[in-house]
Amino acid sequence: IDLPPWEARLLRSLSVAYVAEGRSA
């Protein structure tokens, strides 16, 4: 699967947000 750059950046951003929320939670 060749992700478009915007989707790869979105996946990375979602992972960053997941880690941050996990620590806050």
mmCIF file of all heavy atoms, coordinates in Angstrom:
data_MODEL
# 
_entry.id   MODEL 
# 
loop_
_atom_site.group_PDB 
_atom_site.id 
_atom_site.type_symbol 
_atom_site.label_atom_id 
_atom_site.label_alt_id 
_atom_site.label_comp_id 
_atom_site.label_asym_id 
_atom_site.label_entity_id 
_atom_site.label_seq_id 
_atom_site.pdbx_PDB_ins_code 
_atom_site.Cartn_x 
_atom_site.Cartn_y 
_atom_site.Cartn_z 
_atom_site.occupancy 
_atom_site.B_iso_or_equiv 
_atom_site.pdbx_formal_charge 
_atom_site.auth_seq_id 
_atom_site.auth_comp_id 
_atom_site.auth_asym_id 
_atom_site.auth_atom_id 
_atom_site.pdbx_PDB_model_num 
ATOM 1   N N   . ILE A 1 1  ? 0.861  -1.186 0.000  1.00 0.00 ? 1  ILE A N   1 
ATOM 2   C CA  . ILE A 1 1  ? 0.000  0.000  0.000  1.00 0.00 ? 1  ILE A CA  1 
ATOM 3   C C   . ILE A 1 1  ? 0.893  1.231  0.000  1.00 0.00 ? 1  ILE A C   1 
ATOM 4   O O   . ILE A 1 1  ? 1.672  1.434  0.925  1.00 0.00 ? 1  ILE A O   1 
ATOM 5   C CB  . ILE A 1 1  ? -0.942 0.014  1.228  1.00 0.00 ? 1  ILE A CB  1 
ATOM 6   C CG1 . ILE A 1 1  ? -1.881 -1.189 1.170  1.00 0.00 ? 1  ILE A CG1 1 
ATOM 7   C CG2 . ILE A 1 1  ? -1.726 1.324  1.291  1.00 0.00 ? 1  ILE A CG2 1 
ATOM 8   C CD1 . ILE A 1 1  ? -2.724 -1.379 2.419  1.00 0.00 ? 1  ILE A CD1 1 
ATOM 9   N N   . ASP A 1 2  ? 0.792  2.031  -1.041 1.00 0.00 ? 2  ASP A N   1 
ATOM 10  C CA  . ASP A 1 2  ? 1.586  3.255  -1.151 1.00 0.00 ? 2  ASP A CA  1 
ATOM 11  C C   . ASP A 1 2  ? 0.755  4.412  -0.598 1.00 0.00 ? 2  ASP A C   1 
ATOM 12  O O   . ASP A 1 2  ? -0.104 4.962  -1.303 1.00 0.00 ? 2  ASP A O   1 
ATOM 13  C CB  . ASP A 1 2  ? 1.981  3.511  -2.603 1.00 0.00 ? 2  ASP A CB  1 
ATOM 14  C CG  . ASP A 1 2  ? 2.957  4.654  -2.748 1.00 0.00 ? 2  ASP A CG  1 
ATOM 15  O OD1 . ASP A 1 2  ? 3.624  4.998  -1.754 1.00 0.00 ? 2  ASP A OD1 1 
ATOM 16  O OD2 . ASP A 1 2  ? 3.043  5.224  -3.852 1.00 0.00 ? 2  ASP A OD2 1 
ATOM 17  N N   . LEU A 1 3  ? 0.984  4.736  0.657  1.00 0.00 ? 3  LEU A N   1 
ATOM 18  C CA  . LEU A 1 3  ? 0.217  5.814  1.293  1.00 0.00 ? 3  LEU A CA  1 
ATOM 19  C C   . LEU A 1 3  ? 0.607  7.162  0.705  1.00 0.00 ? 3  LEU A C   1 
ATOM 20  O O   . LEU A 1 3  ? 1.794  7.427  0.498  1.00 0.00 ? 3  LEU A O   1 
ATOM 21  C CB  . LEU A 1 3  ? 0.494  5.852  2.799  1.00 0.00 ? 3  LEU A CB  1 
ATOM 22  C CG  . LEU A 1 3  ? 0.008  4.694  3.649  1.00 0.00 ? 3  LEU A CG  1 
ATOM 23  C CD1 . LEU A 1 3  ? 0.463  4.886  5.094  1.00 0.00 ? 3  LEU A CD1 1 
ATOM 24  C CD2 . LEU A 1 3  ? -1.495 4.568  3.584  1.00 0.00 ? 3  LEU A CD2 1 
ATOM 25  N N   . PRO A 1 4  ? -0.374 8.023  0.477  1.00 0.00 ? 4  PRO A N   1 
ATOM 26  C CA  . PRO A 1 4  ? -0.010 9.391  0.101  1.00 0.00 ? 4  PRO A CA  1 
ATOM 27  C C   . PRO A 1 4  ? 0.664  10.071 1.298  1.00 0.00 ? 4  PRO A C   1 
ATOM 28  O O   . PRO A 1 4  ? 0.403  9.709  2.457  1.00 0.00 ? 4  PRO A O   1 
ATOM 29  C CB  . PRO A 1 4  ? -1.346 10.047 -0.239 1.00 0.00 ? 4  PRO A CB  1 
ATOM 30  C CG  . PRO A 1 4  ? -2.416 9.122  0.209  1.00 0.00 ? 4  PRO A CG  1 
ATOM 31  C CD  . PRO A 1 4  ? -1.796 7.795  0.498  1.00 0.00 ? 4  PRO A CD  1 
ATOM 32  N N   . PRO A 1 5  ? 1.536  11.042 1.066  1.00 0.00 ? 5  PRO A N   1 
ATOM 33  C CA  . PRO A 1 5  ? 2.255  11.684 2.177  1.00 0.00 ? 5  PRO A CA  1 
ATOM 34  C C   . PRO A 1 5  ? 1.338  12.225 3.274  1.00 0.00 ? 5  PRO A C   1 
ATOM 35  O O   . PRO A 1 5  ? 1.650  12.091 4.457  1.00 0.00 ? 5  PRO A O   1 
ATOM 36  C CB  . PRO A 1 5  ? 3.026  12.810 1.490  1.00 0.00 ? 5  PRO A CB  1 
ATOM 37  C CG  . PRO A 1 5  ? 3.213  12.337 0.088  1.00 0.00 ? 5  PRO A CG  1 
ATOM 38  C CD  . PRO A 1 5  ? 1.974  11.540 -0.237 1.00 0.00 ? 5  PRO A CD  1 
ATOM 39  N N   . TRP A 1 6  ? 0.207  12.806 2.913  1.00 0.00 ? 6  TRP A N   1 
ATOM 40  C CA  . TRP A 1 6  ? -0.683 13.364 3.929  1.00 0.00 ? 6  TRP A CA  1 
ATOM 41  C C   . TRP A 1 6  ? -1.205 12.268 4.857  1.00 0.00 ? 6  TRP A C   1 
ATOM 42  O O   . TRP A 1 6  ? -1.370 12.487 6.057  1.00 0.00 ? 6  TRP A O   1 
ATOM 43  C CB  . TRP A 1 6  ? -1.851 14.137 3.303  1.00 0.00 ? 6  TRP A CB  1 
ATOM 44  C CG  . TRP A 1 6  ? -2.864 13.271 2.596  1.00 0.00 ? 6  TRP A CG  1 
ATOM 45  C CD1 . TRP A 1 6  ? -2.897 12.943 1.270  1.00 0.00 ? 6  TRP A CD1 1 
ATOM 46  C CD2 . TRP A 1 6  ? -3.976 12.584 3.198  1.00 0.00 ? 6  TRP A CD2 1 
ATOM 47  N NE1 . TRP A 1 6  ? -3.952 12.109 0.999  1.00 0.00 ? 6  TRP A NE1 1 
ATOM 48  C CE2 . TRP A 1 6  ? -4.640 11.871 2.161  1.00 0.00 ? 6  TRP A CE2 1 
ATOM 49  C CE3 . TRP A 1 6  ? -4.480 12.496 4.494  1.00 0.00 ? 6  TRP A CE3 1 
ATOM 50  C CZ2 . TRP A 1 6  ? -5.776 11.103 2.393  1.00 0.00 ? 6  TRP A CZ2 1 
ATOM 51  C CZ3 . TRP A 1 6  ? -5.611 11.719 4.716  1.00 0.00 ? 6  TRP A CZ3 1 
ATOM 52  C CH2 . TRP A 1 6  ? -6.251 11.042 3.667  1.00 0.00 ? 6  TRP A CH2 1 
ATOM 53  N N   . GLU A 1 7  ? -1.458 11.076 4.313  1.00 0.00 ? 7  GLU A N   1 
ATOM 54  C CA  . GLU A 1 7  ? -1.992 9.995  5.134  1.00 0.00 ? 7  GLU A CA  1 
ATOM 55  C C   . GLU A 1 7  ? -0.914 9.428  6.065  1.00 0.00 ? 7  GLU A C   1 
ATOM 56  O O   . GLU A 1 7  ? -1.185 9.108  7.227  1.00 0.00 ? 7  GLU A O   1 
ATOM 57  C CB  . GLU A 1 7  ? -2.564 8.887  4.256  1.00 0.00 ? 7  GLU A CB  1 
ATOM 58  C CG  . GLU A 1 7  ? -3.418 7.908  5.023  1.00 0.00 ? 7  GLU A CG  1 
ATOM 59  C CD  . GLU A 1 7  ? -4.177 6.953  4.118  1.00 0.00 ? 7  GLU A CD  1 
ATOM 60  O OE1 . GLU A 1 7  ? -4.319 7.200  2.914  1.00 0.00 ? 7  GLU A OE1 1 
ATOM 61  O OE2 . GLU A 1 7  ? -4.631 5.930  4.658  1.00 0.00 ? 7  GLU A OE2 1 
ATOM 62  N N   . ALA A 1 8  ? 0.309  9.330  5.571  1.00 0.00 ? 8  ALA A N   1 
ATOM 63  C CA  . ALA A 1 8  ? 1.414  8.870  6.421  1.00 0.00 ? 8  ALA A CA  1 
ATOM 64  C C   . ALA A 1 8  ? 1.631  9.852  7.570  1.00 0.00 ? 8  ALA A C   1 
ATOM 65  O O   . ALA A 1 8  ? 1.809  9.445  8.729  1.00 0.00 ? 8  ALA A O   1 
ATOM 66  C CB  . ALA A 1 8  ? 2.690  8.717  5.597  1.00 0.00 ? 8  ALA A CB  1 
ATOM 67  N N   . ARG A 1 9  ? 1.585  11.163 7.260  1.00 0.00 ? 9  ARG A N   1 
ATOM 68  C CA  . ARG A 1 9  ? 1.745  12.171 8.319  1.00 0.00 ? 9  ARG A CA  1 
ATOM 69  C C   . ARG A 1 9  ? 0.590  12.095 9.320  1.00 0.00 ? 9  ARG A C   1 
ATOM 70  O O   . ARG A 1 9  ? 0.786  12.244 10.527 1.00 0.00 ? 9  ARG A O   1 
ATOM 71  C CB  . ARG A 1 9  ? 1.849  13.569 7.717  1.00 0.00 ? 9  ARG A CB  1 
ATOM 72  C CG  . ARG A 1 9  ? 3.191  13.861 7.074  1.00 0.00 ? 9  ARG A CG  1 
ATOM 73  C CD  . ARG A 1 9  ? 3.380  15.336 6.728  1.00 0.00 ? 9  ARG A CD  1 
ATOM 74  N NE  . ARG A 1 9  ? 2.347  15.850 5.841  1.00 0.00 ? 9  ARG A NE  1 
ATOM 75  C CZ  . ARG A 1 9  ? 2.387  15.798 4.498  1.00 0.00 ? 9  ARG A CZ  1 
ATOM 76  N NH1 . ARG A 1 9  ? 3.413  15.237 3.903  1.00 0.00 ? 9  ARG A NH1 1 
ATOM 77  N NH2 . ARG A 1 9  ? 1.410  16.297 3.787  1.00 0.00 ? 9  ARG A NH2 1 
ATOM 78  N N   . LEU A 1 10 ? -0.626 11.855 8.818  1.00 0.00 ? 10 LEU A N   1 
ATOM 79  C CA  . LEU A 1 10 ? -1.791 11.736 9.692  1.00 0.00 ? 10 LEU A CA  1 
ATOM 80  C C   . LEU A 1 10 ? -1.647 10.526 10.623 1.00 0.00 ? 10 LEU A C   1 
ATOM 81  O O   . LEU A 1 10 ? -1.913 10.631 11.822 1.00 0.00 ? 10 LEU A O   1 
ATOM 82  C CB  . LEU A 1 10 ? -3.074 11.621 8.868  1.00 0.00 ? 10 LEU A CB  1 
ATOM 83  C CG  . LEU A 1 10 ? -4.369 11.423 9.662  1.00 0.00 ? 10 LEU A CG  1 
ATOM 84  C CD1 . LEU A 1 10 ? -4.618 12.586 10.620 1.00 0.00 ? 10 LEU A CD1 1 
ATOM 85  C CD2 . LEU A 1 10 ? -5.549 11.238 8.720  1.00 0.00 ? 10 LEU A CD2 1 
ATOM 86  N N   . LEU A 1 11 ? -1.215 9.389  10.092 1.00 0.00 ? 11 LEU A N   1 
ATOM 87  C CA  . LEU A 1 11 ? -1.034 8.201  10.924 1.00 0.00 ? 11 LEU A CA  1 
ATOM 88  C C   . LEU A 1 11 ? -0.005 8.455  12.017 1.00 0.00 ? 11 LEU A C   1 
ATOM 89  O O   . LEU A 1 11 ? -0.209 8.084  13.179 1.00 0.00 ? 11 LEU A O   1 
ATOM 90  C CB  . LEU A 1 11 ? -0.624 7.007  10.068 1.00 0.00 ? 11 LEU A CB  1 
ATOM 91  C CG  . LEU A 1 11 ? -1.716 6.453  9.144  1.00 0.00 ? 11 LEU A CG  1 
ATOM 92  C CD1 . LEU A 1 11 ? -1.134 5.444  8.176  1.00 0.00 ? 11 LEU A CD1 1 
ATOM 93  C CD2 . LEU A 1 11 ? -2.849 5.857  9.946  1.00 0.00 ? 11 LEU A CD2 1 
ATOM 94  N N   . ARG A 1 12 ? 1.090  9.102  11.657 1.00 0.00 ? 12 ARG A N   1 
ATOM 95  C CA  . ARG A 1 12 ? 2.126  9.435  12.649 1.00 0.00 ? 12 ARG A CA  1 
ATOM 96  C C   . ARG A 1 12 ? 1.554  10.388 13.705 1.00 0.00 ? 12 ARG A C   1 
ATOM 97  O O   . ARG A 1 12 ? 1.759  10.196 14.903 1.00 0.00 ? 12 ARG A O   1 
ATOM 98  C CB  . ARG A 1 12 ? 3.328  10.049 11.937 1.00 0.00 ? 12 ARG A CB  1 
ATOM 99  C CG  . ARG A 1 12 ? 4.328  10.709 12.823 1.00 0.00 ? 12 ARG A CG  1 
ATOM 100 C CD  . ARG A 1 12 ? 5.356  9.782  13.367 1.00 0.00 ? 12 ARG A CD  1 
ATOM 101 N NE  . ARG A 1 12 ? 6.337  10.621 14.070 1.00 0.00 ? 12 ARG A NE  1 
ATOM 102 C CZ  . ARG A 1 12 ? 6.929  10.287 15.158 1.00 0.00 ? 12 ARG A CZ  1 
ATOM 103 N NH1 . ARG A 1 12 ? 6.732  9.101  15.677 1.00 0.00 ? 12 ARG A NH1 1 
ATOM 104 N NH2 . ARG A 1 12 ? 7.765  11.085 15.748 1.00 0.00 ? 12 ARG A NH2 1 
ATOM 105 N N   . SER A 1 13 ? 0.807  11.408 13.282 1.00 0.00 ? 13 SER A N   1 
ATOM 106 C CA  . SER A 1 13 ? 0.206  12.374 14.221 1.00 0.00 ? 13 SER A CA  1 
ATOM 107 C C   . SER A 1 13 ? -0.798 11.695 15.153 1.00 0.00 ? 13 SER A C   1 
ATOM 108 O O   . SER A 1 13 ? -0.864 12.018 16.340 1.00 0.00 ? 13 SER A O   1 
ATOM 109 C CB  . SER A 1 13 ? -0.496 13.501 13.462 1.00 0.00 ? 13 SER A CB  1 
ATOM 110 O OG  . SER A 1 13 ? 0.428  14.258 12.740 1.00 0.00 ? 13 SER A OG  1 
ATOM 111 N N   . LEU A 1 14 ? -1.577 10.772 14.616 1.00 0.00 ? 14 LEU A N   1 
ATOM 112 C CA  . LEU A 1 14 ? -2.540 10.055 15.446 1.00 0.00 ? 14 LEU A CA  1 
ATOM 113 C C   . LEU A 1 14 ? -1.826 9.202  16.490 1.00 0.00 ? 14 LEU A C   1 
ATOM 114 O O   . LEU A 1 14 ? -2.279 9.106  17.636 1.00 0.00 ? 14 LEU A O   1 
ATOM 115 C CB  . LEU A 1 14 ? -3.455 9.179  14.585 1.00 0.00 ? 14 LEU A CB  1 
ATOM 116 C CG  . LEU A 1 14 ? -4.484 9.922  13.736 1.00 0.00 ? 14 LEU A CG  1 
ATOM 117 C CD1 . LEU A 1 14 ? -5.170 8.964  12.772 1.00 0.00 ? 14 LEU A CD1 1 
ATOM 118 C CD2 . LEU A 1 14 ? -5.496 10.641 14.608 1.00 0.00 ? 14 LEU A CD2 1 
ATOM 119 N N   . SER A 1 15 ? -0.710 8.599  16.117 1.00 0.00 ? 15 SER A N   1 
ATOM 120 C CA  . SER A 1 15 ? 0.066  7.812  17.071 1.00 0.00 ? 15 SER A CA  1 
ATOM 121 C C   . SER A 1 15 ? 0.644  8.703  18.162 1.00 0.00 ? 15 SER A C   1 
ATOM 122 O O   . SER A 1 15 ? 0.623  8.342  19.343 1.00 0.00 ? 15 SER A O   1 
ATOM 123 C CB  . SER A 1 15 ? 1.176  7.051  16.347 1.00 0.00 ? 15 SER A CB  1 
ATOM 124 O OG  . SER A 1 15 ? 1.925  6.293  17.257 1.00 0.00 ? 15 SER A OG  1 
ATOM 125 N N   . VAL A 1 16 ? 1.151  9.880  17.784 1.00 0.00 ? 16 VAL A N   1 
ATOM 126 C CA  . VAL A 1 16 ? 1.676  10.839 18.773 1.00 0.00 ? 16 VAL A CA  1 
ATOM 127 C C   . VAL A 1 16 ? 0.559  11.242 19.735 1.00 0.00 ? 16 VAL A C   1 
ATOM 128 O O   . VAL A 1 16 ? 0.747  11.273 20.959 1.00 0.00 ? 16 VAL A O   1 
ATOM 129 C CB  . VAL A 1 16 ? 2.284  12.077 18.069 1.00 0.00 ? 16 VAL A CB  1 
ATOM 130 C CG1 . VAL A 1 16 ? 2.562  13.197 19.059 1.00 0.00 ? 16 VAL A CG1 1 
ATOM 131 C CG2 . VAL A 1 16 ? 3.553  11.695 17.315 1.00 0.00 ? 16 VAL A CG2 1 
ATOM 132 N N   . ALA A 1 17 ? -0.636 11.523 19.194 1.00 0.00 ? 17 ALA A N   1 
ATOM 133 C CA  . ALA A 1 17 ? -1.773 11.916 20.032 1.00 0.00 ? 17 ALA A CA  1 
ATOM 134 C C   . ALA A 1 17 ? -2.200 10.763 20.945 1.00 0.00 ? 17 ALA A C   1 
ATOM 135 O O   . ALA A 1 17 ? -2.563 10.984 22.104 1.00 0.00 ? 17 ALA A O   1 
ATOM 136 C CB  . ALA A 1 17 ? -2.942 12.357 19.158 1.00 0.00 ? 17 ALA A CB  1 
ATOM 137 N N   . TYR A 1 18 ? -2.138 9.529  20.449 1.00 0.00 ? 18 TYR A N   1 
ATOM 138 C CA  . TYR A 1 18 ? -2.495 8.366  21.253 1.00 0.00 ? 18 TYR A CA  1 
ATOM 139 C C   . TYR A 1 18 ? -1.561 8.235  22.460 1.00 0.00 ? 18 TYR A C   1 
ATOM 140 O O   . TYR A 1 18 ? -2.014 8.028  23.583 1.00 0.00 ? 18 TYR A O   1 
ATOM 141 C CB  . TYR A 1 18 ? -2.437 7.094  20.394 1.00 0.00 ? 18 TYR A CB  1 
ATOM 142 C CG  . TYR A 1 18 ? -2.822 5.844  21.144 1.00 0.00 ? 18 TYR A CG  1 
ATOM 143 C CD1 . TYR A 1 18 ? -4.135 5.409  21.179 1.00 0.00 ? 18 TYR A CD1 1 
ATOM 144 C CD2 . TYR A 1 18 ? -1.869 5.100  21.838 1.00 0.00 ? 18 TYR A CD2 1 
ATOM 145 C CE1 . TYR A 1 18 ? -4.493 4.266  21.884 1.00 0.00 ? 18 TYR A CE1 1 
ATOM 146 C CE2 . TYR A 1 18 ? -2.218 3.958  22.544 1.00 0.00 ? 18 TYR A CE2 1 
ATOM 147 C CZ  . TYR A 1 18 ? -3.531 3.558  22.564 1.00 0.00 ? 18 TYR A CZ  1 
ATOM 148 O OH  . TYR A 1 18 ? -3.883 2.430  23.272 1.00 0.00 ? 18 TYR A OH  1 
ATOM 149 N N   . VAL A 1 19 ? -0.268 8.381  22.221 1.00 0.00 ? 19 VAL A N   1 
ATOM 150 C CA  . VAL A 1 19 ? 0.707  8.275  23.315 1.00 0.00 ? 19 VAL A CA  1 
ATOM 151 C C   . VAL A 1 19 ? 0.473  9.389  24.340 1.00 0.00 ? 19 VAL A C   1 
ATOM 152 O O   . VAL A 1 19 ? 0.453  9.140  25.546 1.00 0.00 ? 19 VAL A O   1 
ATOM 153 C CB  . VAL A 1 19 ? 2.155  8.317  22.771 1.00 0.00 ? 19 VAL A CB  1 
ATOM 154 C CG1 . VAL A 1 19 ? 3.160  8.454  23.907 1.00 0.00 ? 19 VAL A CG1 1 
ATOM 155 C CG2 . VAL A 1 19 ? 2.448  7.067  21.951 1.00 0.00 ? 19 VAL A CG2 1 
ATOM 156 N N   . ALA A 1 20 ? 0.265  10.616 23.863 1.00 0.00 ? 20 ALA A N   1 
ATOM 157 C CA  . ALA A 1 20 ? 0.046  11.750 24.773 1.00 0.00 ? 20 ALA A CA  1 
ATOM 158 C C   . ALA A 1 20 ? -1.227 11.557 25.597 1.00 0.00 ? 20 ALA A C   1 
ATOM 159 O O   . ALA A 1 20 ? -1.221 11.772 26.812 1.00 0.00 ? 20 ALA A O   1 
ATOM 160 C CB  . ALA A 1 20 ? -0.024 13.051 23.982 1.00 0.00 ? 20 ALA A CB  1 
ATOM 161 N N   . GLU A 1 21 ? -2.305 11.136 24.960 1.00 0.00 ? 21 GLU A N   1 
ATOM 162 C CA  . GLU A 1 21 ? -3.563 10.934 25.678 1.00 0.00 ? 21 GLU A CA  1 
ATOM 163 C C   . GLU A 1 21 ? -3.435 9.782  26.667 1.00 0.00 ? 21 GLU A C   1 
ATOM 164 O O   . GLU A 1 21 ? -3.958 9.847  27.780 1.00 0.00 ? 21 GLU A O   1 
ATOM 165 C CB  . GLU A 1 21 ? -4.712 10.648 24.709 1.00 0.00 ? 21 GLU A CB  1 
ATOM 166 C CG  . GLU A 1 21 ? -6.050 10.411 25.376 1.00 0.00 ? 21 GLU A CG  1 
ATOM 167 C CD  . GLU A 1 21 ? -6.585 11.586 26.168 1.00 0.00 ? 21 GLU A CD  1 
ATOM 168 O OE1 . GLU A 1 21 ? -6.245 12.739 25.864 1.00 0.00 ? 21 GLU A OE1 1 
ATOM 169 O OE2 . GLU A 1 21 ? -7.363 11.355 27.125 1.00 0.00 ? 21 GLU A OE2 1 
ATOM 170 N N   . GLY A 1 22 ? -2.713 8.739  26.293 1.00 0.00 ? 22 GLY A N   1 
ATOM 171 C CA  . GLY A 1 22 ? -2.509 7.612  27.194 1.00 0.00 ? 22 GLY A CA  1 
ATOM 172 C C   . GLY A 1 22 ? -1.806 8.029  28.476 1.00 0.00 ? 22 GLY A C   1 
ATOM 173 O O   . GLY A 1 22 ? -2.146 7.563  29.563 1.00 0.00 ? 22 GLY A O   1 
ATOM 174 N N   . ARG A 1 23 ? -0.845 8.925  28.343 1.00 0.00 ? 23 ARG A N   1 
ATOM 175 C CA  . ARG A 1 23 ? -0.133 9.403  29.538 1.00 0.00 ? 23 ARG A CA  1 
ATOM 176 C C   . ARG A 1 23 ? -1.033 10.300 30.388 1.00 0.00 ? 23 ARG A C   1 
ATOM 177 O O   . ARG A 1 23 ? -1.051 10.183 31.607 1.00 0.00 ? 23 ARG A O   1 
ATOM 178 C CB  . ARG A 1 23 ? 1.144  10.117 29.128 1.00 0.00 ? 23 ARG A CB  1 
ATOM 179 C CG  . ARG A 1 23 ? 2.156  9.127  28.584 1.00 0.00 ? 23 ARG A CG  1 
ATOM 180 C CD  . ARG A 1 23 ? 3.511  9.717  28.329 1.00 0.00 ? 23 ARG A CD  1 
ATOM 181 N NE  . ARG A 1 23 ? 4.392  8.679  27.788 1.00 0.00 ? 23 ARG A NE  1 
ATOM 182 C CZ  . ARG A 1 23 ? 5.150  8.828  26.726 1.00 0.00 ? 23 ARG A CZ  1 
ATOM 183 N NH1 . ARG A 1 23 ? 5.183  9.976  26.084 1.00 0.00 ? 23 ARG A NH1 1 
ATOM 184 N NH2 . ARG A 1 23 ? 5.912  7.841  26.302 1.00 0.00 ? 23 ARG A NH2 1 
ATOM 185 N N   . SER A 1 24 ? -1.781 11.177 29.745 1.00 0.00 ? 24 SER A N   1 
ATOM 186 C CA  . SER A 1 24 ? -2.708 12.048 30.483 1.00 0.00 ? 24 SER A CA  1 
ATOM 187 C C   . SER A 1 24 ? -3.801 11.238 31.164 1.00 0.00 ? 24 SER A C   1 
ATOM 188 O O   . SER A 1 24 ? -4.221 11.542 32.276 1.00 0.00 ? 24 SER A O   1 
ATOM 189 C CB  . SER A 1 24 ? -3.372 13.056 29.536 1.00 0.00 ? 24 SER A CB  1 
ATOM 190 O OG  . SER A 1 24 ? -2.434 13.908 28.970 1.00 0.00 ? 24 SER A OG  1 
ATOM 191 N N   . ALA A 1 25 ? -4.263 10.191 30.478 1.00 0.00 ? 25 ALA A N   1 
ATOM 192 C CA  . ALA A 1 25 ? -5.389 9.397  30.964 1.00 0.00 ? 25 ALA A CA  1 
ATOM 193 C C   . ALA A 1 25 ? -5.029 8.519  32.148 1.00 0.00 ? 25 ALA A C   1 
ATOM 194 O O   . ALA A 1 25 ? -5.909 7.895  32.742 1.00 0.00 ? 25 ALA A O   1 
ATOM 195 C CB  . ALA A 1 25 ? -5.944 8.542  29.830 1.00 0.00 ? 25 ALA A CB  1 
# 
